Structure formats: C-alpha cells, structure tokens
C-alpha atoms as a PDB file:
ATOM      1  CA  MET A   1     -18.144  -1.573 -35.597  1.00  0.00           C
ATOM      2  CA  SER A   2     -15.376  -2.541 -33.206  1.00  0.00           C
ATOM      3  CA  PHE A   3     -12.431  -4.684 -34.255  1.00  0.00           C
ATOM      4  CA  GLY A   4     -11.255  -5.456 -30.716  1.00  0.00           C
ATOM      5  CA  LEU A   5     -11.065  -9.062 -29.577  1.00  0.00           C
ATOM      6  CA  ASN A   6     -13.115 -10.178 -26.622  1.00  0.00           C
ATOM      7  CA  ILE A   7     -11.027 -12.126 -24.110  1.00  0.00           C
ATOM      8  CA  GLY A   8     -14.014 -14.431 -23.493  1.00  0.00           C
ATOM      9  CA  LEU A   9     -13.945 -15.680 -27.088  1.00  0.00           C
ATOM     10  CA  ILE A  10     -10.193 -15.729 -27.672  1.00  0.00           C
ATOM     11  CA  SER A  11     -10.425 -19.501 -27.242  1.00  0.00           C
ATOM     12  CA  LEU A  12     -12.472 -19.609 -30.449  1.00  0.00           C
ATOM     13  CA  ILE A  13      -9.402 -18.504 -32.374  1.00  0.00           C
ATOM     14  CA  ILE A  14      -7.066 -20.755 -30.369  1.00  0.00           C
ATOM     15  CA  PHE A  15      -9.280 -23.827 -30.871  1.00  0.00           C
ATOM     16  CA  GLY A  16      -9.596 -23.074 -34.569  1.00  0.00           C
ATOM     17  CA  ASN A  17      -5.837 -22.901 -34.973  1.00  0.00           C
ATOM     18  CA  ILE A  18      -5.263 -26.096 -32.988  1.00  0.00           C
ATOM     19  CA  GLU A  19      -7.829 -27.896 -35.132  1.00  0.00           C
ATOM     20  CA  ASN A  20      -6.004 -26.691 -38.245  1.00  0.00           C
ATOM     21  CA  LEU A  21      -2.708 -28.011 -36.907  1.00  0.00           C
ATOM     22  CA  ILE A  22      -4.250 -31.415 -36.193  1.00  0.00           C
ATOM     23  CA  LEU A  23      -5.820 -31.560 -39.645  1.00  0.00           C
ATOM     24  CA  ALA A  24      -2.499 -30.563 -41.217  1.00  0.00           C
ATOM     25  CA  SER A  25      -0.714 -33.348 -39.331  1.00  0.00           C
ATOM     26  CA  GLN A  26      -3.309 -35.804 -40.606  1.00  0.00           C
ATOM     27  CA  GLY A  27      -2.570 -34.591 -44.132  1.00  0.00           C
ATOM     28  CA  VAL A  28       1.150 -35.187 -43.615  1.00  0.00           C
ATOM     29  CA  VAL A  29       0.509 -38.700 -42.302  1.00  0.00           C
ATOM     30  CA  ARG A  30      -1.544 -39.435 -45.419  1.00  0.00           C
ATOM     31  CA  SER A  31       1.123 -37.905 -47.713  1.00  0.00           C
ATOM     32  CA  ALA A  32      -1.129 -35.132 -48.980  1.00  0.00           C
ATOM     33  CA  ASN A  33       0.205 -32.275 -51.097  1.00  0.00           C
ATOM     34  CA  PRO A  34       1.906 -29.925 -48.588  1.00  0.00           C
ATOM     35  CA  LEU A  35       1.152 -26.818 -50.662  1.00  0.00           C
ATOM     36  CA  LYS A  36      -2.568 -27.580 -50.680  1.00  0.00           C
ATOM     37  CA  ILE A  37      -2.491 -28.313 -46.942  1.00  0.00           C
ATOM     38  CA  ALA A  38      -0.691 -25.012 -46.264  1.00  0.00           C
ATOM     39  CA  LEU A  39      -3.101 -22.971 -48.394  1.00  0.00           C
ATOM     40  CA  LEU A  40      -6.188 -24.585 -46.886  1.00  0.00           C
ATOM     41  CA  SER A  41      -4.803 -24.170 -43.376  1.00  0.00           C
ATOM     42  CA  LEU A  42      -4.090 -20.466 -43.962  1.00  0.00           C
ATOM     43  CA  LEU A  43      -7.611 -20.051 -45.343  1.00  0.00           C
ATOM     44  CA  CYS A  44      -9.103 -21.680 -42.252  1.00  0.00           C
ATOM     45  CA  VAL A  45      -6.980 -19.525 -39.937  1.00  0.00           C
ATOM     46  CA  ALA A  46      -8.151 -16.400 -41.782  1.00  0.00           C
ATOM     47  CA  ILE A  47     -11.781 -17.480 -41.472  1.00  0.00           C
ATOM     48  CA  TRP A  48     -11.369 -18.109 -37.723  1.00  0.00           C
ATOM     49  CA  LEU A  49      -9.729 -14.702 -37.345  1.00  0.00           C
ATOM     50  CA  ILE A  50     -12.605 -12.998 -39.168  1.00  0.00           C
ATOM     51  CA  ILE A  51     -15.195 -14.832 -37.083  1.00  0.00           C
ATOM     52  CA  GLY A  52     -13.352 -14.028 -33.860  1.00  0.00           C
ATOM     53  CA  THR A  53     -12.888 -10.385 -34.803  1.00  0.00           C
ATOM     54  CA  LEU A  54     -16.130  -9.410 -36.499  1.00  0.00           C
ATOM     55  CA  CYS A  55     -18.675 -11.699 -34.865  1.00  0.00           C
ATOM     56  CA  THR A  56     -17.590 -11.411 -31.245  1.00  0.00           C
ATOM     57  CA  GLN A  57     -20.674  -9.486 -30.125  1.00  0.00           C
ATOM     58  CA  GLN A  58     -23.099 -11.831 -31.887  1.00  0.00           C
ATOM     59  CA  LEU A  59     -21.405 -15.004 -30.624  1.00  0.00           C
ATOM     60  CA  GLN A  60     -20.741 -13.857 -27.079  1.00  0.00           C
ATOM     61  CA  ASP A  61     -23.884 -15.542 -25.706  1.00  0.00           C
ATOM     62  CA  TYR A  62     -22.815 -18.869 -27.226  1.00  0.00           C
ATOM     63  CA  GLY A  63     -19.166 -18.756 -26.096  1.00  0.00           C
ATOM     64  CA  MET A  64     -19.511 -21.630 -23.633  1.00  0.00           C
ATOM     65  CA  TYR A  65     -21.014 -23.920 -26.301  1.00  0.00           C
ATOM     66  CA  ILE A  66     -18.446 -22.919 -28.911  1.00  0.00           C
ATOM     67  CA  GLU A  67     -15.599 -23.650 -26.500  1.00  0.00           C
ATOM     68  CA  PHE A  68     -17.061 -27.072 -25.629  1.00  0.00           C
ATOM     69  CA  ILE A  69     -17.578 -28.040 -29.279  1.00  0.00           C
ATOM     70  CA  GLY A  70     -14.084 -26.791 -30.173  1.00  0.00           C
ATOM     71  CA  GLY A  71     -12.514 -28.736 -27.315  1.00  0.00           C
ATOM     72  CA  LEU A  72     -14.428 -31.885 -28.244  1.00  0.00           C
ATOM     73  CA  ALA A  73     -13.387 -31.526 -31.884  1.00  0.00           C
ATOM     74  CA  ILE A  74      -9.741 -31.132 -30.894  1.00  0.00           C
ATOM     75  CA  PHE A  75      -9.963 -34.216 -28.679  1.00  0.00           C
ATOM     76  CA  ILE A  76     -11.590 -36.345 -31.403  1.00  0.00           C
ATOM     77  CA  LEU A  77      -9.243 -35.141 -34.146  1.00  0.00           C
ATOM     78  CA  GLY A  78      -6.225 -35.697 -31.900  1.00  0.00           C
ATOM     79  CA  ILE A  79      -7.250 -39.267 -31.089  1.00  0.00           C
ATOM     80  CA  GLN A  80      -7.961 -39.949 -34.764  1.00  0.00           C
ATOM     81  CA  SER A  81      -4.621 -38.466 -35.822  1.00  0.00           C
ATOM     82  CA  MET A  82      -2.665 -40.521 -33.278  1.00  0.00           C
ATOM     83  CA  TYR A  83      -4.518 -43.702 -34.263  1.00  0.00           C
ATOM     84  CA  GLN A  84      -3.823 -43.169 -37.953  1.00  0.00           C
ATOM     85  CA  ALA A  85      -0.158 -42.339 -37.307  1.00  0.00           C
ATOM     86  CA  VAL A  86       0.370 -45.540 -35.300  1.00  0.00           C
ATOM     87  CA  LYS A  87      -1.709 -47.659 -37.673  1.00  0.00           C
ATOM     88  CA  GLY A  88      -0.245 -46.353 -40.913  1.00  0.00           C
END
C-alpha cells in the first residue's frame, strides 16, 4: 500500500478544505459554538486527508467527476454563505 499523494487528485483535498472553511464561516454567521465548529472541521479535514491518501488508486478514474462536484459544491456554499451574511 502506498501513502503517496497523486497530483491528479490533490484537488480533492483542496476542495474538501475549502468546503470546510465555507461551512465554518456559515457557522460563525449563525453564531454556532466555535468549539464544535472547530472539532467538526478538523474531523472533516482528517477524513478528506484519509480519502486522498488511501483511496487515490481507487478514485483515480473518477477524478474529473470529483473535481466538478467539489467545485460546484464550493460555488453553491459560497453563494449561500454570502447571501446569509448579507441577509442576516
């Protein structure tokens, strides 16, 4: 088993971390408990790291789809976060 990261799927980890940052900012806007947000965000980052590290070979064929879905999720979450920040 290899623990090296594939450059083709490095965006999986980057998108996962960006999504976590957007979700954390939404939690701040809604005055959520910062400790819970931090713990859940660290958990999500660890999960993305495990997926990116251990499942690279299995997910390599689906990299293009994963990147598209990740980018779309970031776009939607970003728009939602901005809307809620301006509205609230």
